[in-house]
Amino acid sequence: MKVAVDLFRAEIMATLKTVGEYQLRMEQQLALLRETKDALLRADCEHWEELNAQRSNHEWTFVHLFPRCFRYSFVIFLYSVIEAELISLCTEFSRRRKIPSLNLHGKKFCLERCKPFLFKTIGIESGKALAWNKLTVLEKVRNCISHAGGVIEDSKDKKFLKEATRAGIGIAISKHTISKGRLDIAPEFCKDSTDAAIEFFSAVFERGGFGSETAKVAR
């Protein structure tokens, strides 16, 4: 009796699921921090006028600034994980099938380089196009954050991103006085992007003939 598990697949899937858990826990901590600071502010301010004077800065910090900092950093982190695991996956396909490796040279971003390799060279069916499209949006949001500080007008993908902000996927253009014109990212976008990565990798593993990610008893 043997325990069959594909360790390569299991490691990648475990990493992606851990990233998802991290996002969930940190959002919970942000909410808790805001509640704690709300309570401290009310306790420290003896008069309504004093409380009202402090509220604007408090709201900016705990409703806008801290959430934006975390979600921007999470998008960059999530994309870096996806990029590294996607390249690793293509390399593993090359090793297992004894075919030329993915060409990593050129100016194209990771998804653009990997897509023809997976869908044409390897022959993975693109039935999970929705998940791939979500990863494409993530990539462009990440590029806007990394290369333009989140300012849509300074992004080379501004037309794409403006359309995406109207699609109800958890990204918007801030109208706040201080951050006007920057991307606002909701927790739903972070979670949905992580779920899309898990869905896509799982589908590719299944269609690519990889073994199970969990232990199964082989008799």
N, C-alpha and C. Protein backbone atom coordinates (compact mmCIF):
# COMPACT_ATOMS: atom_id res chain seq x y z
N MET A 1 0.84 -1.19 0.00
CA MET A 1 0.00 0.00 0.00
C MET A 1 0.88 1.26 0.00
N LYS A 2 0.67 2.16 -0.99
CA LYS A 2 1.49 3.35 -1.12
C LYS A 2 0.63 4.62 -1.06
N VAL A 3 1.26 5.71 -0.61
CA VAL A 3 0.58 7.01 -0.58
C VAL A 3 1.06 7.81 -1.79
N ALA A 4 0.14 8.11 -2.71
CA ALA A 4 0.49 8.82 -3.94
C ALA A 4 0.17 10.30 -3.81
N VAL A 5 1.15 11.16 -4.06
CA VAL A 5 0.93 12.60 -4.02
C VAL A 5 1.98 13.26 -4.91
N ASP A 6 1.57 14.25 -5.67
CA ASP A 6 2.50 15.00 -6.50
C ASP A 6 3.02 16.17 -5.66
N LEU A 7 4.24 16.07 -5.19
CA LEU A 7 4.78 17.07 -4.27
C LEU A 7 4.92 18.44 -4.92
N PHE A 8 5.24 18.47 -6.20
CA PHE A 8 5.36 19.75 -6.90
C PHE A 8 4.02 20.48 -6.88
N ARG A 9 2.98 19.79 -7.27
CA ARG A 9 1.64 20.36 -7.28
C ARG A 9 1.21 20.75 -5.87
N ALA A 10 1.43 19.87 -4.91
CA ALA A 10 1.00 20.11 -3.54
C ALA A 10 1.64 21.36 -2.95
N GLU A 11 2.92 21.56 -3.25
CA GLU A 11 3.64 22.71 -2.70
C GLU A 11 3.09 24.02 -3.26
N ILE A 12 2.85 24.07 -4.57
CA ILE A 12 2.32 25.29 -5.18
C ILE A 12 0.93 25.61 -4.66
N MET A 13 0.06 24.61 -4.60
CA MET A 13 -1.30 24.83 -4.14
C MET A 13 -1.32 25.25 -2.67
N ALA A 14 -0.45 24.66 -1.87
CA ALA A 14 -0.38 25.03 -0.45
C ALA A 14 0.08 26.48 -0.30
N THR A 15 1.03 26.90 -1.13
CA THR A 15 1.52 28.28 -1.09
C THR A 15 0.40 29.27 -1.41
N LEU A 16 -0.34 28.99 -2.48
CA LEU A 16 -1.43 29.89 -2.88
C LEU A 16 -2.53 29.97 -1.82
N LYS A 17 -2.84 28.85 -1.22
CA LYS A 17 -3.88 28.84 -0.19
C LYS A 17 -3.41 29.57 1.07
N THR A 18 -2.13 29.48 1.37
CA THR A 18 -1.58 30.20 2.51
C THR A 18 -1.61 31.71 2.27
N VAL A 19 -1.34 32.12 1.04
CA VAL A 19 -1.44 33.54 0.68
C VAL A 19 -2.87 34.04 0.89
N GLY A 20 -3.84 33.22 0.50
CA GLY A 20 -5.24 33.58 0.71
C GLY A 20 -5.59 33.71 2.18
N GLU A 21 -5.07 32.82 2.98
CA GLU A 21 -5.31 32.88 4.42
C GLU A 21 -4.68 34.13 5.03
N TYR A 22 -3.51 34.48 4.55
CA TYR A 22 -2.82 35.69 5.02
C TYR A 22 -3.66 36.94 4.75
N GLN A 23 -4.22 37.02 3.54
CA GLN A 23 -5.05 38.18 3.18
C GLN A 23 -6.27 38.29 4.09
N LEU A 24 -6.90 37.17 4.34
CA LEU A 24 -8.08 37.15 5.21
C LEU A 24 -7.74 37.62 6.61
N ARG A 25 -6.67 37.08 7.17
CA ARG A 25 -6.28 37.42 8.55
C ARG A 25 -5.89 38.89 8.68
N MET A 26 -5.18 39.41 7.69
CA MET A 26 -4.74 40.80 7.77
C MET A 26 -5.91 41.77 7.64
N GLU A 27 -6.91 41.42 6.82
CA GLU A 27 -8.10 42.26 6.73
C GLU A 27 -8.83 42.29 8.07
N GLN A 28 -8.87 41.15 8.73
CA GLN A 28 -9.50 41.08 10.05
C GLN A 28 -8.74 41.95 11.06
N GLN A 29 -7.42 41.95 10.96
CA GLN A 29 -6.61 42.76 11.86
C GLN A 29 -6.79 44.25 11.59
N LEU A 30 -6.94 44.62 10.32
CA LEU A 30 -7.19 46.02 9.99
C LEU A 30 -8.51 46.50 10.60
N ALA A 31 -9.54 45.65 10.50
CA ALA A 31 -10.84 46.00 11.06
C ALA A 31 -10.76 46.13 12.58
N LEU A 32 -10.03 45.22 13.20
CA LEU A 32 -9.86 45.25 14.65
C LEU A 32 -9.09 46.49 15.09
N LEU A 33 -8.06 46.84 14.33
CA LEU A 33 -7.27 48.03 14.65
C LEU A 33 -8.13 49.29 14.57
N ARG A 34 -8.97 49.35 13.56
CA ARG A 34 -9.85 50.52 13.42
C ARG A 34 -10.80 50.61 14.60
N GLU A 35 -11.40 49.50 14.99
CA GLU A 35 -12.32 49.49 16.13
C GLU A 35 -11.61 49.93 17.41
N THR A 36 -10.39 49.44 17.59
CA THR A 36 -9.62 49.79 18.79
C THR A 36 -9.31 51.28 18.82
N LYS A 37 -8.87 51.81 17.68
CA LYS A 37 -8.54 53.23 17.61
C LYS A 37 -9.78 54.11 17.76
N ASP A 38 -10.92 53.63 17.24
CA ASP A 38 -12.19 54.35 17.42
C ASP A 38 -12.50 54.50 18.91
N ALA A 39 -12.35 53.40 19.63
CA ALA A 39 -12.64 53.40 21.06
C ALA A 39 -11.69 54.32 21.83
N LEU A 40 -10.41 54.27 21.46
CA LEU A 40 -9.42 55.13 22.14
C LEU A 40 -9.68 56.60 21.85
N LEU A 41 -10.08 56.90 20.62
CA LEU A 41 -10.35 58.29 20.25
C LEU A 41 -11.51 58.84 21.07
N ARG A 42 -12.58 58.04 21.18
CA ARG A 42 -13.74 58.49 21.96
C ARG A 42 -13.40 58.63 23.44
N ALA A 43 -12.52 57.76 23.92
CA ALA A 43 -12.14 57.83 25.33
C ALA A 43 -11.25 59.03 25.64
N ASP A 44 -10.39 59.40 24.68
CA ASP A 44 -9.42 60.48 24.91
C ASP A 44 -10.03 61.86 24.73
N CYS A 45 -11.08 61.95 23.91
CA CYS A 45 -11.67 63.27 23.63
C CYS A 45 -12.82 63.53 24.62
N GLU A 46 -12.65 64.58 25.43
CA GLU A 46 -13.63 64.87 26.46
C GLU A 46 -14.85 65.62 25.91
N HIS A 47 -14.67 66.32 24.80
CA HIS A 47 -15.76 67.14 24.27
C HIS A 47 -16.02 66.79 22.80
N TRP A 48 -17.26 67.00 22.37
CA TRP A 48 -17.65 66.70 20.98
C TRP A 48 -16.80 67.47 19.98
N GLU A 49 -16.49 68.74 20.27
CA GLU A 49 -15.71 69.56 19.35
C GLU A 49 -14.32 68.96 19.14
N GLU A 50 -13.74 68.46 20.24
CA GLU A 50 -12.41 67.86 20.14
C GLU A 50 -12.47 66.56 19.34
N LEU A 51 -13.51 65.77 19.60
CA LEU A 51 -13.67 64.50 18.87
C LEU A 51 -13.86 64.75 17.39
N ASN A 52 -14.67 65.74 17.05
CA ASN A 52 -14.95 66.05 15.65
C ASN A 52 -13.70 66.55 14.93
N ALA A 53 -12.86 67.30 15.66
CA ALA A 53 -11.62 67.83 15.08
C ALA A 53 -10.63 66.70 14.76
N GLN A 54 -10.65 65.66 15.58
CA GLN A 54 -9.72 64.54 15.39
C GLN A 54 -10.23 63.53 14.37
N ARG A 55 -11.53 63.54 14.12
CA ARG A 55 -12.12 62.47 13.32
C ARG A 55 -11.64 62.45 11.87
N SER A 56 -11.42 63.59 11.27
CA SER A 56 -11.02 63.65 9.87
C SER A 56 -9.69 62.93 9.64
N ASN A 57 -8.71 63.24 10.47
CA ASN A 57 -7.41 62.58 10.35
C ASN A 57 -7.51 61.10 10.67
N HIS A 58 -8.33 60.78 11.66
CA HIS A 58 -8.54 59.39 12.05
C HIS A 58 -9.16 58.59 10.90
N GLU A 59 -10.18 59.15 10.28
CA GLU A 59 -10.85 58.48 9.16
C GLU A 59 -9.90 58.28 8.00
N TRP A 60 -9.11 59.29 7.69
CA TRP A 60 -8.15 59.17 6.59
C TRP A 60 -7.16 58.04 6.85
N THR A 61 -6.66 57.97 8.07
CA THR A 61 -5.64 56.98 8.39
C THR A 61 -6.17 55.56 8.38
N PHE A 62 -7.30 55.35 9.04
CA PHE A 62 -7.76 53.97 9.27
C PHE A 62 -8.81 53.48 8.27
N VAL A 63 -9.37 54.40 7.49
CA VAL A 63 -10.34 53.98 6.48
C VAL A 63 -9.71 53.99 5.09
N HIS A 64 -8.74 54.88 4.87
CA HIS A 64 -8.15 55.02 3.54
C HIS A 64 -6.68 54.61 3.49
N LEU A 65 -5.83 55.27 4.30
CA LEU A 65 -4.38 55.09 4.16
C LEU A 65 -3.92 53.67 4.48
N PHE A 66 -4.22 53.18 5.69
CA PHE A 66 -3.75 51.85 6.08
C PHE A 66 -4.30 50.75 5.16
N PRO A 67 -5.62 50.74 4.87
CA PRO A 67 -6.13 49.73 3.94
C PRO A 67 -5.46 49.80 2.57
N ARG A 68 -5.23 51.01 2.05
CA ARG A 68 -4.58 51.12 0.75
C ARG A 68 -3.15 50.57 0.81
N CYS A 69 -2.42 50.92 1.84
CA CYS A 69 -1.04 50.43 1.96
C CYS A 69 -1.00 48.90 1.99
N PHE A 70 -1.89 48.30 2.77
CA PHE A 70 -1.90 46.84 2.85
C PHE A 70 -2.31 46.23 1.52
N ARG A 71 -3.38 46.72 0.92
CA ARG A 71 -3.89 46.09 -0.30
C ARG A 71 -2.96 46.31 -1.48
N TYR A 72 -2.32 47.46 -1.55
CA TYR A 72 -1.31 47.66 -2.59
C TYR A 72 -0.18 46.64 -2.42
N SER A 73 0.31 46.52 -1.19
CA SER A 73 1.42 45.58 -0.95
C SER A 73 0.99 44.15 -1.17
N PHE A 74 -0.29 43.84 -0.85
CA PHE A 74 -0.76 42.47 -1.06
C PHE A 74 -0.85 42.15 -2.55
N VAL A 75 -1.35 43.07 -3.35
CA VAL A 75 -1.44 42.85 -4.80
C VAL A 75 -0.06 42.56 -5.37
N ILE A 76 0.93 43.35 -4.96
CA ILE A 76 2.30 43.14 -5.45
C ILE A 76 2.83 41.78 -4.98
N PHE A 77 2.57 41.45 -3.73
CA PHE A 77 3.01 40.17 -3.18
C PHE A 77 2.34 39.00 -3.89
N LEU A 78 1.01 39.06 -4.05
CA LEU A 78 0.28 37.98 -4.71
C LEU A 78 0.77 37.78 -6.13
N TYR A 79 0.95 38.88 -6.86
CA TYR A 79 1.40 38.74 -8.24
C TYR A 79 2.80 38.14 -8.32
N SER A 80 3.68 38.52 -7.40
CA SER A 80 5.04 37.97 -7.41
C SER A 80 5.02 36.47 -7.15
N VAL A 81 4.10 36.02 -6.28
CA VAL A 81 3.96 34.58 -6.02
C VAL A 81 3.45 33.87 -7.27
N ILE A 82 2.41 34.43 -7.89
CA ILE A 82 1.86 33.84 -9.11
C ILE A 82 2.91 33.78 -10.21
N GLU A 83 3.64 34.85 -10.38
CA GLU A 83 4.66 34.91 -11.42
C GLU A 83 5.73 33.84 -11.20
N ALA A 84 6.23 33.74 -9.98
CA ALA A 84 7.27 32.76 -9.68
C ALA A 84 6.76 31.33 -9.87
N GLU A 85 5.53 31.06 -9.40
CA GLU A 85 4.99 29.70 -9.51
C GLU A 85 4.62 29.36 -10.96
N LEU A 86 4.19 30.35 -11.73
CA LEU A 86 3.85 30.11 -13.13
C LEU A 86 5.09 29.75 -13.94
N ILE A 87 6.16 30.48 -13.71
CA ILE A 87 7.41 30.17 -14.40
C ILE A 87 7.93 28.80 -13.97
N SER A 88 7.80 28.51 -12.67
CA SER A 88 8.21 27.20 -12.16
C SER A 88 7.39 26.09 -12.79
N LEU A 89 6.09 26.34 -12.96
CA LEU A 89 5.21 25.35 -13.56
C LEU A 89 5.60 25.07 -15.01
N CYS A 90 5.87 26.13 -15.77
CA CYS A 90 6.27 25.96 -17.17
C CYS A 90 7.59 25.19 -17.26
N THR A 91 8.51 25.49 -16.35
CA THR A 91 9.78 24.79 -16.33
C THR A 91 9.59 23.31 -16.01
N GLU A 92 8.67 23.03 -15.10
CA GLU A 92 8.39 21.64 -14.73
C GLU A 92 7.73 20.89 -15.89
N PHE A 93 6.86 21.55 -16.63
CA PHE A 93 6.28 20.94 -17.82
C PHE A 93 7.38 20.56 -18.81
N SER A 94 8.32 21.47 -19.00
CA SER A 94 9.43 21.21 -19.93
C SER A 94 10.23 20.00 -19.48
N ARG A 95 10.49 19.91 -18.18
CA ARG A 95 11.28 18.80 -17.65
C ARG A 95 10.53 17.48 -17.82
N ARG A 96 9.26 17.47 -17.46
CA ARG A 96 8.50 16.21 -17.49
C ARG A 96 8.21 15.73 -18.91
N ARG A 97 8.01 16.68 -19.82
CA ARG A 97 7.67 16.29 -21.19
C ARG A 97 8.87 16.33 -22.14
N LYS A 98 10.03 16.76 -21.56
CA LYS A 98 11.27 16.79 -22.34
C LYS A 98 11.11 17.64 -23.61
N ILE A 99 10.66 18.87 -23.41
CA ILE A 99 10.50 19.83 -24.50
C ILE A 99 11.28 21.09 -24.15
N PRO A 100 11.56 21.95 -25.15
CA PRO A 100 12.32 23.19 -24.87
C PRO A 100 11.64 24.04 -23.79
N SER A 101 12.46 24.70 -23.02
CA SER A 101 11.94 25.51 -21.92
C SER A 101 11.29 26.79 -22.41
N LEU A 102 10.49 27.38 -21.54
CA LEU A 102 9.84 28.66 -21.82
C LEU A 102 10.90 29.73 -22.03
N ASN A 103 10.72 30.55 -23.05
CA ASN A 103 11.63 31.67 -23.31
C ASN A 103 11.31 32.81 -22.35
N LEU A 104 12.21 33.10 -21.45
CA LEU A 104 11.97 34.12 -20.43
C LEU A 104 12.53 35.48 -20.82
N HIS A 105 13.06 35.58 -22.03
CA HIS A 105 13.64 36.85 -22.48
C HIS A 105 12.57 37.71 -23.17
N GLY A 106 12.85 38.99 -23.27
CA GLY A 106 11.92 39.90 -23.93
C GLY A 106 11.26 40.85 -22.95
N LYS A 107 10.46 41.75 -23.47
CA LYS A 107 9.85 42.80 -22.66
C LYS A 107 8.45 42.45 -22.17
N LYS A 108 7.91 41.33 -22.62
CA LYS A 108 6.55 40.98 -22.23
C LYS A 108 6.49 40.60 -20.76
N PHE A 109 5.35 40.86 -20.13
CA PHE A 109 5.16 40.47 -18.74
C PHE A 109 4.91 38.98 -18.65
N CYS A 110 4.95 38.47 -17.45
CA CYS A 110 4.92 37.03 -17.21
C CYS A 110 3.73 36.33 -17.87
N LEU A 111 2.53 36.85 -17.70
CA LEU A 111 1.36 36.17 -18.24
C LEU A 111 1.42 36.10 -19.77
N GLU A 112 1.88 37.16 -20.39
CA GLU A 112 1.96 37.17 -21.85
C GLU A 112 2.98 36.15 -22.35
N ARG A 113 4.05 35.94 -21.59
CA ARG A 113 5.07 34.96 -21.99
C ARG A 113 4.59 33.54 -21.78
N CYS A 114 3.86 33.32 -20.70
CA CYS A 114 3.46 31.96 -20.33
C CYS A 114 2.24 31.46 -21.10
N LYS A 115 1.37 32.37 -21.51
CA LYS A 115 0.11 31.96 -22.13
C LYS A 115 0.30 31.09 -23.37
N PRO A 116 1.10 31.51 -24.36
CA PRO A 116 1.26 30.65 -25.54
C PRO A 116 1.95 29.34 -25.22
N PHE A 117 2.83 29.35 -24.24
CA PHE A 117 3.52 28.10 -23.86
C PHE A 117 2.53 27.09 -23.30
N LEU A 118 1.65 27.57 -22.41
CA LEU A 118 0.68 26.67 -21.78
C LEU A 118 -0.42 26.24 -22.74
N PHE A 119 -0.97 27.19 -23.49
CA PHE A 119 -2.14 26.90 -24.31
C PHE A 119 -1.80 26.30 -25.67
N LYS A 120 -0.60 26.61 -26.18
CA LYS A 120 -0.23 26.10 -27.50
C LYS A 120 0.82 24.99 -27.41
N THR A 121 1.96 25.30 -26.80
CA THR A 121 3.04 24.30 -26.73
C THR A 121 2.62 23.10 -25.90
N ILE A 122 2.06 23.35 -24.71
CA ILE A 122 1.65 22.26 -23.82
C ILE A 122 0.28 21.71 -24.23
N GLY A 123 -0.58 22.56 -24.75
CA GLY A 123 -1.90 22.11 -25.19
C GLY A 123 -2.95 22.13 -24.11
N ILE A 124 -2.76 22.99 -23.10
CA ILE A 124 -3.77 23.13 -22.05
C ILE A 124 -4.98 23.85 -22.64
N GLU A 125 -6.15 23.27 -22.49
CA GLU A 125 -7.36 23.93 -22.99
C GLU A 125 -7.63 25.20 -22.18
N SER A 126 -8.09 26.23 -22.86
CA SER A 126 -8.33 27.52 -22.20
C SER A 126 -9.74 27.63 -21.66
N GLY A 127 -10.28 26.53 -21.17
CA GLY A 127 -11.64 26.52 -20.64
C GLY A 127 -11.80 27.37 -19.39
N LYS A 128 -10.68 27.63 -18.71
CA LYS A 128 -10.72 28.46 -17.51
C LYS A 128 -10.34 29.90 -17.86
N ALA A 129 -10.86 30.37 -18.98
CA ALA A 129 -10.50 31.71 -19.45
C ALA A 129 -10.86 32.79 -18.44
N LEU A 130 -11.97 32.59 -17.71
CA LEU A 130 -12.40 33.59 -16.74
C LEU A 130 -11.32 33.80 -15.67
N ALA A 131 -10.76 32.70 -15.17
CA ALA A 131 -9.70 32.81 -14.18
C ALA A 131 -8.48 33.50 -14.77
N TRP A 132 -8.13 33.16 -16.01
CA TRP A 132 -6.98 33.80 -16.66
C TRP A 132 -7.24 35.29 -16.84
N ASN A 133 -8.45 35.67 -17.21
CA ASN A 133 -8.78 37.09 -17.37
C ASN A 133 -8.64 37.84 -16.05
N LYS A 134 -9.02 37.21 -14.96
CA LYS A 134 -8.88 37.85 -13.65
C LYS A 134 -7.41 38.04 -13.29
N LEU A 135 -6.57 37.08 -13.67
CA LEU A 135 -5.13 37.22 -13.43
C LEU A 135 -4.55 38.34 -14.28
N THR A 136 -5.09 38.53 -15.47
CA THR A 136 -4.65 39.62 -16.33
C THR A 136 -4.98 40.97 -15.71
N VAL A 137 -6.18 41.09 -15.14
CA VAL A 137 -6.56 42.33 -14.44
C VAL A 137 -5.61 42.55 -13.26
N LEU A 138 -5.34 41.50 -12.51
CA LEU A 138 -4.41 41.61 -11.37
C LEU A 138 -3.06 42.12 -11.84
N GLU A 139 -2.56 41.59 -12.94
CA GLU A 139 -1.26 42.00 -13.45
C GLU A 139 -1.24 43.49 -13.78
N LYS A 140 -2.30 43.98 -14.40
CA LYS A 140 -2.35 45.39 -14.79
C LYS A 140 -2.52 46.30 -13.57
N VAL A 141 -3.27 45.84 -12.58
CA VAL A 141 -3.39 46.60 -11.33
C VAL A 141 -2.04 46.65 -10.64
N ARG A 142 -1.37 45.52 -10.60
CA ARG A 142 -0.03 45.46 -9.99
C ARG A 142 0.93 46.41 -10.70
N ASN A 143 0.90 46.42 -12.04
CA ASN A 143 1.80 47.30 -12.79
C ASN A 143 1.50 48.76 -12.53
N CYS A 144 0.23 49.09 -12.39
CA CYS A 144 -0.16 50.47 -12.08
C CYS A 144 0.38 50.89 -10.72
N ILE A 145 0.30 49.98 -9.76
CA ILE A 145 0.82 50.27 -8.43
C ILE A 145 2.33 50.40 -8.45
N SER A 146 3.00 49.44 -9.09
CA SER A 146 4.47 49.40 -9.09
C SER A 146 5.10 50.51 -9.92
N HIS A 147 4.49 50.83 -11.07
CA HIS A 147 5.11 51.76 -12.00
C HIS A 147 4.51 53.17 -11.97
N ALA A 148 3.30 53.30 -11.39
CA ALA A 148 2.66 54.62 -11.39
C ALA A 148 2.12 55.00 -10.02
N GLY A 149 2.49 54.25 -8.99
CA GLY A 149 2.04 54.57 -7.64
C GLY A 149 0.54 54.47 -7.46
N GLY A 150 -0.12 53.74 -8.37
CA GLY A 150 -1.56 53.59 -8.27
C GLY A 150 -2.36 54.67 -8.98
N VAL A 151 -1.67 55.64 -9.58
CA VAL A 151 -2.34 56.73 -10.30
C VAL A 151 -2.72 56.25 -11.70
N ILE A 152 -3.99 56.10 -11.95
CA ILE A 152 -4.44 55.52 -13.22
C ILE A 152 -4.01 56.35 -14.42
N GLU A 153 -4.08 57.64 -14.33
CA GLU A 153 -3.73 58.49 -15.47
C GLU A 153 -2.26 58.34 -15.87
N ASP A 154 -1.43 57.91 -14.95
CA ASP A 154 0.01 57.72 -15.24
C ASP A 154 0.33 56.30 -15.69
N SER A 155 -0.69 55.45 -15.74
CA SER A 155 -0.47 54.06 -16.13
C SER A 155 -0.63 53.90 -17.64
N LYS A 156 0.20 53.06 -18.24
CA LYS A 156 0.06 52.80 -19.68
C LYS A 156 -1.19 51.97 -19.97
N ASP A 157 -1.78 51.39 -18.93
CA ASP A 157 -3.00 50.60 -19.08
C ASP A 157 -4.23 51.36 -18.60
N LYS A 158 -4.19 52.70 -18.64
CA LYS A 158 -5.26 53.49 -18.04
C LYS A 158 -6.62 53.21 -18.67
N LYS A 159 -6.66 53.00 -19.98
CA LYS A 159 -7.93 52.71 -20.63
C LYS A 159 -8.50 51.39 -20.13
N PHE A 160 -7.66 50.37 -20.06
CA PHE A 160 -8.08 49.06 -19.55
C PHE A 160 -8.56 49.17 -18.12
N LEU A 161 -7.80 49.88 -17.29
CA LEU A 161 -8.12 49.97 -15.87
C LEU A 161 -9.40 50.78 -15.62
N LYS A 162 -9.61 51.82 -16.41
CA LYS A 162 -10.84 52.60 -16.25
C LYS A 162 -12.06 51.74 -16.56
N GLU A 163 -11.95 50.91 -17.57
CA GLU A 163 -13.05 49.99 -17.88
C GLU A 163 -13.24 48.97 -16.76
N ALA A 164 -12.13 48.51 -16.19
CA ALA A 164 -12.19 47.53 -15.11
C ALA A 164 -12.85 48.10 -13.86
N THR A 165 -12.65 49.40 -13.61
CA THR A 165 -13.26 50.02 -12.43
C THR A 165 -14.78 50.11 -12.55
N ARG A 166 -15.29 49.95 -13.76
CA ARG A 166 -16.73 50.00 -13.96
C ARG A 166 -17.36 48.60 -14.01
N ALA A 167 -16.54 47.58 -13.76
CA ALA A 167 -17.01 46.19 -13.90
C ALA A 167 -17.47 45.58 -12.57
N GLY A 168 -17.40 46.34 -11.48
CA GLY A 168 -17.86 45.83 -10.19
C GLY A 168 -17.01 44.71 -9.64
N ILE A 169 -15.69 44.79 -9.82
CA ILE A 169 -14.79 43.72 -9.37
C ILE A 169 -13.98 44.10 -8.13
N GLY A 170 -14.28 45.26 -7.54
CA GLY A 170 -13.59 45.63 -6.31
C GLY A 170 -12.45 46.61 -6.48
N ILE A 171 -12.37 47.26 -7.64
CA ILE A 171 -11.39 48.34 -7.81
C ILE A 171 -12.13 49.59 -8.28
N ALA A 172 -11.67 50.75 -7.83
CA ALA A 172 -12.33 52.01 -8.16
C ALA A 172 -11.29 53.11 -8.21
N ILE A 173 -11.71 54.26 -8.71
CA ILE A 173 -10.83 55.44 -8.74
C ILE A 173 -11.19 56.32 -7.56
N SER A 174 -10.23 56.58 -6.71
CA SER A 174 -10.49 57.35 -5.50
C SER A 174 -10.92 58.78 -5.81
N LYS A 175 -11.89 59.25 -5.05
CA LYS A 175 -12.35 60.63 -5.16
C LYS A 175 -11.97 61.45 -3.93
N HIS A 176 -11.24 60.81 -3.02
CA HIS A 176 -10.81 61.50 -1.80
C HIS A 176 -9.85 62.63 -2.16
N THR A 177 -9.95 63.73 -1.43
CA THR A 177 -9.14 64.91 -1.72
C THR A 177 -7.65 64.60 -1.77
N ILE A 178 -7.17 63.80 -0.85
CA ILE A 178 -5.73 63.52 -0.76
C ILE A 178 -5.28 62.49 -1.80
N SER A 179 -6.11 61.49 -2.06
CA SER A 179 -5.70 60.39 -2.94
C SER A 179 -6.45 60.36 -4.26
N LYS A 180 -7.02 61.47 -4.65
CA LYS A 180 -7.85 61.53 -5.85
C LYS A 180 -7.08 61.02 -7.07
N GLY A 181 -7.72 60.12 -7.83
CA GLY A 181 -7.12 59.60 -9.05
C GLY A 181 -6.37 58.30 -8.87
N ARG A 182 -6.16 57.89 -7.62
CA ARG A 182 -5.45 56.63 -7.37
C ARG A 182 -6.44 55.46 -7.32
N LEU A 183 -5.91 54.28 -7.53
CA LEU A 183 -6.73 53.08 -7.43
C LEU A 183 -7.15 52.83 -5.99
N ASP A 184 -8.41 52.60 -5.78
CA ASP A 184 -8.92 52.10 -4.51
C ASP A 184 -9.18 50.61 -4.69
N ILE A 185 -8.67 49.81 -3.78
CA ILE A 185 -8.81 48.35 -3.89
C ILE A 185 -9.60 47.84 -2.70
N ALA A 186 -10.66 47.10 -2.98
CA ALA A 186 -11.49 46.52 -1.93
C ALA A 186 -10.98 45.12 -1.58
N PRO A 187 -11.30 44.63 -0.38
CA PRO A 187 -10.87 43.28 0.01
C PRO A 187 -11.35 42.22 -0.98
N GLU A 188 -12.52 42.44 -1.58
CA GLU A 188 -13.07 41.45 -2.51
C GLU A 188 -12.16 41.22 -3.71
N PHE A 189 -11.50 42.28 -4.17
CA PHE A 189 -10.60 42.13 -5.31
C PHE A 189 -9.41 41.25 -4.95
N CYS A 190 -8.86 41.47 -3.77
CA CYS A 190 -7.72 40.67 -3.31
C CYS A 190 -8.11 39.20 -3.18
N LYS A 191 -9.25 38.95 -2.57
CA LYS A 191 -9.70 37.57 -2.38
C LYS A 191 -10.03 36.92 -3.72
N ASP A 192 -10.74 37.64 -4.57
CA ASP A 192 -11.15 37.08 -5.86
C ASP A 192 -9.93 36.77 -6.72
N SER A 193 -8.91 37.61 -6.66
CA SER A 193 -7.69 37.37 -7.43
C SER A 193 -6.96 36.15 -6.92
N THR A 194 -6.92 35.98 -5.61
CA THR A 194 -6.29 34.80 -5.02
C THR A 194 -7.05 33.54 -5.41
N ASP A 195 -8.37 33.60 -5.32
CA ASP A 195 -9.21 32.46 -5.71
C ASP A 195 -9.01 32.11 -7.18
N ALA A 196 -8.86 33.14 -8.02
CA ALA A 196 -8.65 32.91 -9.45
C ALA A 196 -7.33 32.19 -9.69
N ALA A 197 -6.30 32.57 -8.94
CA ALA A 197 -5.00 31.90 -9.07
C ALA A 197 -5.11 30.43 -8.67
N ILE A 198 -5.79 30.17 -7.57
CA ILE A 198 -5.97 28.79 -7.11
C ILE A 198 -6.75 27.99 -8.14
N GLU A 199 -7.82 28.59 -8.67
CA GLU A 199 -8.65 27.92 -9.67
C GLU A 199 -7.84 27.62 -10.94
N PHE A 200 -7.05 28.60 -11.38
CA PHE A 200 -6.30 28.41 -12.62
C PHE A 200 -5.23 27.34 -12.47
N PHE A 201 -4.43 27.42 -11.42
CA PHE A 201 -3.36 26.44 -11.24
C PHE A 201 -3.95 25.04 -11.07
N SER A 202 -5.03 24.93 -10.34
CA SER A 202 -5.66 23.63 -10.15
C SER A 202 -6.11 23.04 -11.48
N ALA A 203 -6.71 23.89 -12.34
CA ALA A 203 -7.18 23.43 -13.65
C ALA A 203 -6.02 23.00 -14.53
N VAL A 204 -4.93 23.76 -14.50
CA VAL A 204 -3.76 23.41 -15.32
C VAL A 204 -3.14 22.11 -14.85
N PHE A 205 -3.06 21.92 -13.54
CA PHE A 205 -2.51 20.67 -13.02
C PHE A 205 -3.37 19.48 -13.46
N GLU A 206 -4.68 19.65 -13.39
CA GLU A 206 -5.58 18.56 -13.77
C GLU A 206 -5.44 18.24 -15.25
N ARG A 207 -5.45 19.26 -16.08
CA ARG A 207 -5.40 19.05 -17.52
C ARG A 207 -4.00 18.69 -18.00
N GLY A 208 -3.02 19.02 -17.19
CA GLY A 208 -1.64 18.72 -17.56
C GLY A 208 -1.17 17.34 -17.12
N GLY A 209 -2.06 16.61 -16.44
CA GLY A 209 -1.72 15.24 -16.05
C GLY A 209 -0.87 15.12 -14.81
N PHE A 210 -0.87 16.15 -13.96
CA PHE A 210 -0.12 16.06 -12.70
C PHE A 210 -0.90 15.18 -11.73
N GLY A 211 -0.18 14.63 -10.77
CA GLY A 211 -0.83 13.80 -9.76
C GLY A 211 -1.60 14.63 -8.77
N SER A 212 -2.09 13.97 -7.72
CA SER A 212 -2.92 14.63 -6.73
C SER A 212 -2.09 15.57 -5.84
N GLU A 213 -2.76 16.62 -5.33
CA GLU A 213 -2.09 17.52 -4.38
C GLU A 213 -2.27 17.04 -2.95
N THR A 214 -3.17 16.09 -2.74
CA THR A 214 -3.38 15.52 -1.42
C THR A 214 -3.09 14.03 -1.46
N ALA A 215 -2.77 13.48 -0.32
CA ALA A 215 -2.39 12.08 -0.24
C ALA A 215 -3.57 11.16 -0.57
N LYS A 216 -3.30 10.19 -1.44
CA LYS A 216 -4.29 9.19 -1.77
C LYS A 216 -3.65 7.80 -1.62
N VAL A 217 -4.40 6.89 -1.12
CA VAL A 217 -3.88 5.54 -0.91
C VAL A 217 -3.98 4.75 -2.19
N ALA A 218 -2.85 4.29 -2.70
CA ALA A 218 -2.82 3.44 -3.89
C ALA A 218 -2.65 1.99 -3.48
N ARG A 219 -3.52 1.14 -3.93
CA ARG A 219 -3.47 -0.29 -3.55
C ARG A 219 -2.85 -1.12 -4.68
